[in-house]
N, C-alpha and C. Protein backbone atom coordinates (compact mmCIF):
# COMPACT_ATOMS: atom_id res chain seq x y z
N MET A 1 -25.70 -27.41 0.81
CA MET A 1 -24.01 -27.22 0.97
C MET A 1 -23.20 -26.43 -0.17
N LYS A 2 -23.43 -27.31 -1.08
CA LYS A 2 -22.39 -27.05 -2.18
C LYS A 2 -22.96 -25.39 -2.54
N LYS A 3 -24.08 -24.73 -2.62
CA LYS A 3 -24.26 -23.67 -2.63
C LYS A 3 -23.93 -22.26 -1.78
N ILE A 4 -23.71 -22.87 -0.53
CA ILE A 4 -22.87 -22.04 0.09
C ILE A 4 -21.88 -22.11 0.47
N LEU A 5 -20.98 -23.13 -0.28
CA LEU A 5 -19.47 -23.39 -0.29
C LEU A 5 -18.88 -22.38 -1.24
N THR A 6 -19.71 -22.72 -2.46
CA THR A 6 -19.54 -21.82 -3.74
C THR A 6 -19.66 -20.50 -3.33
N THR A 7 -20.66 -19.99 -2.39
CA THR A 7 -21.42 -18.36 -2.18
C THR A 7 -19.41 -18.06 -1.33
N ALA A 8 -19.39 -18.61 -0.28
CA ALA A 8 -17.95 -18.27 0.41
C ALA A 8 -17.06 -18.08 -0.27
N VAL A 9 -16.44 -18.95 -1.17
CA VAL A 9 -15.68 -18.90 -2.15
C VAL A 9 -15.33 -17.43 -3.03
N VAL A 10 -16.50 -17.24 -3.34
CA VAL A 10 -16.90 -16.36 -4.45
C VAL A 10 -16.43 -14.69 -3.57
N LEU A 11 -17.03 -14.79 -2.30
CA LEU A 11 -17.22 -13.87 -1.43
C LEU A 11 -15.38 -13.75 -1.09
N SER A 12 -14.75 -14.37 -1.01
CA SER A 12 -13.56 -14.59 -0.31
C SER A 12 -12.70 -13.85 -1.63
N ALA A 13 -12.61 -14.37 -2.70
CA ALA A 13 -12.06 -14.08 -3.94
C ALA A 13 -12.15 -12.65 -4.54
N ALA A 14 -13.34 -12.20 -4.22
CA ALA A 14 -13.87 -10.93 -4.26
C ALA A 14 -13.09 -9.82 -3.20
N THR A 15 -13.16 -10.62 -1.92
CA THR A 15 -12.25 -9.37 -0.88
C THR A 15 -11.13 -9.45 -1.19
N PHE A 16 -9.99 -10.64 -1.63
CA PHE A 16 -8.92 -10.79 -1.99
C PHE A 16 -8.46 -9.73 -3.21
N ALA A 17 -9.37 -10.03 -4.06
CA ALA A 17 -9.08 -9.66 -5.62
C ALA A 17 -9.33 -7.75 -5.06
N ASN A 18 -10.11 -7.40 -4.39
CA ASN A 18 -10.32 -5.94 -4.35
C ASN A 18 -9.12 -5.29 -2.96
N ALA A 19 -8.61 -6.33 -2.10
CA ALA A 19 -7.24 -5.80 -1.52
C ALA A 19 -6.21 -6.07 -2.31
N ALA A 20 -5.93 -6.70 -3.42
CA ALA A 20 -4.76 -6.95 -4.18
C ALA A 20 -5.05 -5.42 -5.09
N TRP A 21 -6.29 -5.46 -5.52
CA TRP A 21 -6.29 -4.28 -6.47
C TRP A 21 -5.93 -2.95 -5.75
N ALA A 22 -6.31 -2.70 -4.71
CA ALA A 22 -6.04 -1.33 -3.78
C ALA A 22 -4.48 -1.63 -3.73
N LYS A 23 -3.94 -2.24 -3.22
CA LYS A 23 -2.41 -2.13 -3.19
C LYS A 23 -1.71 -1.98 -4.49
N ASP A 24 -2.32 -2.29 -5.81
CA ASP A 24 -1.61 -1.86 -6.92
C ASP A 24 -1.78 -0.92 -7.57
N ASP A 25 -2.88 -0.06 -6.89
CA ASP A 25 -3.33 1.25 -7.63
C ASP A 25 -2.23 2.18 -6.93
N PRO A 26 -1.60 2.94 -7.95
CA PRO A 26 -0.61 3.74 -7.53
C PRO A 26 -1.23 5.08 -7.49
N ALA A 27 -2.49 5.42 -7.59
CA ALA A 27 -3.09 6.74 -7.78
C ALA A 27 -4.17 6.62 -6.41
N ALA A 28 -3.86 5.50 -5.60
CA ALA A 28 -4.66 5.56 -4.28
C ALA A 28 -4.16 6.36 -3.47
N GLY A 29 -2.44 6.63 -3.00
CA GLY A 29 -2.50 7.24 -2.19
C GLY A 29 -2.42 8.79 -2.25
N ALA A 30 -2.34 9.43 -3.77
CA ALA A 30 -2.42 10.35 -4.32
C ALA A 30 -3.65 11.11 -3.94
N GLN A 31 -4.80 10.15 -4.06
CA GLN A 31 -6.10 10.64 -4.20
C GLN A 31 -6.39 10.86 -2.67
N LEU A 32 -5.93 9.76 -1.63
CA LEU A 32 -6.12 10.13 -0.16
C LEU A 32 -5.53 11.22 0.24
N TYR A 33 -4.29 11.68 -0.25
CA TYR A 33 -3.50 12.64 0.18
C TYR A 33 -4.69 14.06 -0.21
N ALA A 34 -4.82 13.90 -1.21
CA ALA A 34 -5.47 15.22 -1.52
C ALA A 34 -6.89 15.50 -0.82
N ILE A 35 -7.68 14.08 -0.24
CA ILE A 35 -8.85 13.99 0.17
C ILE A 35 -8.33 14.74 2.01
N HIS A 36 -7.70 14.15 2.63
CA HIS A 36 -6.96 14.20 4.07
C HIS A 36 -5.55 15.05 4.27
N CYS A 37 -5.18 15.48 3.51
CA CYS A 37 -3.78 16.16 3.62
C CYS A 37 -3.45 17.83 3.13
N THR A 38 -4.01 17.69 1.92
CA THR A 38 -3.86 19.13 1.40
C THR A 38 -4.24 20.35 2.18
N ALA A 39 -5.19 20.04 2.83
CA ALA A 39 -5.90 21.18 3.85
C ALA A 39 -4.60 22.13 4.47
N CYS A 40 -3.70 21.06 4.92
CA CYS A 40 -2.52 21.50 5.99
C CYS A 40 -1.41 21.60 5.32
N HIS A 41 -0.76 20.71 4.38
CA HIS A 41 0.50 20.46 3.97
C HIS A 41 0.32 21.05 2.41
N GLY A 42 -1.01 21.13 2.02
CA GLY A 42 -0.97 21.74 0.61
C GLY A 42 -0.73 20.79 -0.51
N ALA A 43 -1.26 21.02 -1.66
CA ALA A 43 -1.53 20.30 -3.03
C ALA A 43 0.10 19.68 -3.28
N ASP A 44 0.81 20.70 -3.08
CA ASP A 44 2.47 20.63 -3.75
C ASP A 44 3.06 19.76 -2.54
N ARG A 45 2.47 19.75 -1.32
CA ARG A 45 3.26 18.85 -0.43
C ARG A 45 4.14 20.02 0.33
N ALA A 46 4.08 21.25 -0.06
CA ALA A 46 5.39 22.34 0.49
C ALA A 46 5.11 22.69 1.99
N GLY A 47 3.85 22.55 2.27
CA GLY A 47 3.60 22.86 3.84
C GLY A 47 3.69 24.27 4.14
N MET A 48 3.18 24.82 5.14
CA MET A 48 3.29 26.37 5.73
C MET A 48 4.50 26.32 7.09
N PRO A 49 5.49 26.78 6.49
CA PRO A 49 6.59 27.04 7.70
C PRO A 49 6.06 27.23 8.93
N GLY A 50 6.32 26.78 10.01
CA GLY A 50 6.33 27.19 11.24
C GLY A 50 4.82 26.69 11.73
N ALA A 51 4.19 26.33 10.84
CA ALA A 51 2.83 25.29 11.53
C ALA A 51 2.98 24.43 10.97
N PHE A 52 3.11 23.84 9.68
CA PHE A 52 2.73 22.39 8.83
C PHE A 52 3.92 22.57 8.09
N PRO A 53 4.41 20.94 8.51
CA PRO A 53 5.97 20.95 7.92
C PRO A 53 5.53 20.56 6.61
N ALA A 54 6.77 20.84 5.50
CA ALA A 54 6.66 20.21 4.32
C ALA A 54 6.90 18.59 4.31
N LEU A 55 5.88 18.04 3.33
CA LEU A 55 5.91 16.75 2.96
C LEU A 55 6.84 16.07 1.56
N THR A 56 7.37 17.00 1.25
CA THR A 56 8.12 16.82 -0.40
C THR A 56 8.97 15.69 0.02
N ASP A 57 9.83 15.78 1.03
CA ASP A 57 11.23 14.81 1.25
C ASP A 57 10.76 14.19 2.38
N VAL A 58 9.62 14.03 2.98
CA VAL A 58 9.81 13.33 4.35
C VAL A 58 10.15 11.67 4.22
N GLY A 59 10.19 10.84 2.97
CA GLY A 59 10.74 9.83 2.59
C GLY A 59 12.32 9.64 2.99
N LYS A 60 12.84 10.72 2.89
CA LYS A 60 14.17 10.91 3.29
C LYS A 60 14.52 11.23 4.80
N ARG A 61 13.56 11.87 5.61
CA ARG A 61 13.75 11.95 7.01
C ARG A 61 12.95 10.98 7.99
N LEU A 62 12.12 10.37 7.40
CA LEU A 62 11.33 9.30 8.19
C LEU A 62 11.29 8.09 7.44
N GLN A 63 11.15 6.90 7.99
CA GLN A 63 10.94 5.59 7.91
C GLN A 63 9.64 4.91 7.55
N PRO A 64 9.37 4.36 6.36
CA PRO A 64 7.89 4.14 6.53
C PRO A 64 6.90 3.98 7.48
N ALA A 65 7.52 3.61 8.36
CA ALA A 65 7.14 3.18 9.74
C ALA A 65 6.30 4.14 10.58
N GLN A 66 7.56 4.91 10.26
CA GLN A 66 7.39 6.25 11.39
C GLN A 66 5.92 7.04 10.74
N ILE A 67 6.50 7.13 9.33
CA ILE A 67 5.40 7.84 8.50
C ILE A 67 4.00 7.26 8.88
N LYS A 68 3.53 5.91 8.77
CA LYS A 68 2.20 5.54 9.39
C LYS A 68 1.66 5.72 10.70
N GLU A 69 3.08 5.70 11.75
CA GLU A 69 2.54 6.02 13.09
C GLU A 69 2.11 7.43 12.97
N LYS A 70 2.81 8.45 12.36
CA LYS A 70 2.41 9.88 12.41
C LYS A 70 0.82 9.93 11.67
N ILE A 71 0.63 9.58 10.62
CA ILE A 71 -0.38 9.14 10.19
C ILE A 71 -1.77 8.96 11.43
N SER A 72 -1.27 7.60 11.23
CA SER A 72 -2.35 7.04 12.73
C SER A 72 -2.63 7.45 14.26
N LYS A 73 -1.55 8.07 14.58
CA LYS A 73 -1.58 8.89 16.14
C LYS A 73 -1.61 10.24 15.99
N GLY A 74 -1.03 11.21 15.02
CA GLY A 74 -0.77 12.45 15.25
C GLY A 74 0.42 12.78 15.85
N GLY A 75 0.57 14.07 16.00
CA GLY A 75 1.51 14.35 16.77
C GLY A 75 1.40 16.10 16.69
N GLY A 76 1.97 16.78 17.59
CA GLY A 76 1.97 18.44 17.36
C GLY A 76 0.46 18.85 17.04
N LEU A 77 0.54 19.75 16.04
CA LEU A 77 -0.50 20.16 15.61
C LEU A 77 -1.60 18.91 14.85
N MET A 78 -0.95 18.31 14.45
CA MET A 78 -1.61 17.13 13.52
C MET A 78 -2.49 16.03 14.32
N PRO A 79 -3.69 16.00 13.94
CA PRO A 79 -4.74 15.23 14.67
C PRO A 79 -4.51 13.76 13.84
N PRO A 80 -4.81 12.48 15.10
CA PRO A 80 -4.57 10.86 14.26
C PRO A 80 -5.98 11.22 13.38
N PHE A 81 -5.42 10.14 12.57
CA PHE A 81 -6.42 9.67 11.33
C PHE A 81 -6.80 8.63 11.61
N SER A 82 -7.25 8.17 12.74
CA SER A 82 -7.53 6.94 13.21
C SER A 82 -8.65 6.14 12.39
N GLN A 83 -9.53 7.06 11.83
CA GLN A 83 -10.56 6.59 10.66
C GLN A 83 -10.35 6.18 9.50
N LEU A 84 -8.92 6.00 9.11
CA LEU A 84 -8.41 5.55 7.97
C LEU A 84 -7.93 4.02 8.14
N SER A 85 -8.19 3.11 7.06
CA SER A 85 -7.88 1.89 7.09
C SER A 85 -6.41 1.73 7.39
N GLN A 86 -5.87 0.48 7.56
CA GLN A 86 -4.26 0.51 7.36
C GLN A 86 -4.06 0.33 5.96
N GLN A 87 -5.02 0.11 4.94
CA GLN A 87 -4.44 0.06 3.98
C GLN A 87 -4.56 1.24 3.31
N GLU A 88 -5.22 2.27 3.59
CA GLU A 88 -5.23 3.67 3.01
C GLU A 88 -4.02 4.37 3.97
N ILE A 89 -3.52 3.88 5.14
CA ILE A 89 -2.58 4.66 5.41
C ILE A 89 -1.55 4.26 4.94
N ASP A 90 -1.41 2.83 4.36
CA ASP A 90 -0.25 2.39 3.46
C ASP A 90 -0.25 3.16 1.96
N ASP A 91 -1.32 3.17 1.29
CA ASP A 91 -1.04 3.95 0.18
C ASP A 91 -0.72 5.28 0.59
N ILE A 92 -1.26 6.21 1.43
CA ILE A 92 -0.79 7.54 1.64
C ILE A 92 1.07 7.20 1.81
N THR A 93 1.27 6.66 2.68
CA THR A 93 2.96 6.38 2.91
C THR A 93 3.92 6.14 1.71
N ARG A 94 3.14 5.21 0.84
CA ARG A 94 3.73 4.79 -0.06
C ARG A 94 4.04 6.30 -1.17
N PHE A 95 2.42 7.05 -0.80
CA PHE A 95 2.69 8.28 -2.03
C PHE A 95 3.71 9.43 -1.67
N LEU A 96 3.85 9.31 0.15
CA LEU A 96 4.72 10.51 0.29
C LEU A 96 6.22 9.73 0.40
N ALA A 97 6.64 8.55 0.65
CA ALA A 97 7.74 8.28 0.50
C ALA A 97 8.41 8.05 -0.88
N LYS A 98 7.60 8.52 -2.00
CA LYS A 98 8.59 7.91 -3.18
C LYS A 98 9.04 9.26 -3.50
């Protein structure tokens, strides 16, 4: 029983440590943006006028909750990114809103 309890505590600690590490990683949002967003919005976030909006100042135009919703549900030409975890959406939102 003690071995099972010890294993459970270690696994729980590893899970929480990993989540805390991800939240404190400032590069996570930039990496995710590079993977999922640059094809349409560009590496410089300038977008393509008439097709894909610029995201350079999206934090001034939208609240974080609105950015998260757009990422997860899509809209217009943007597909939903439902395959992303909530943590990944949070990371991209922090990157874009800064």
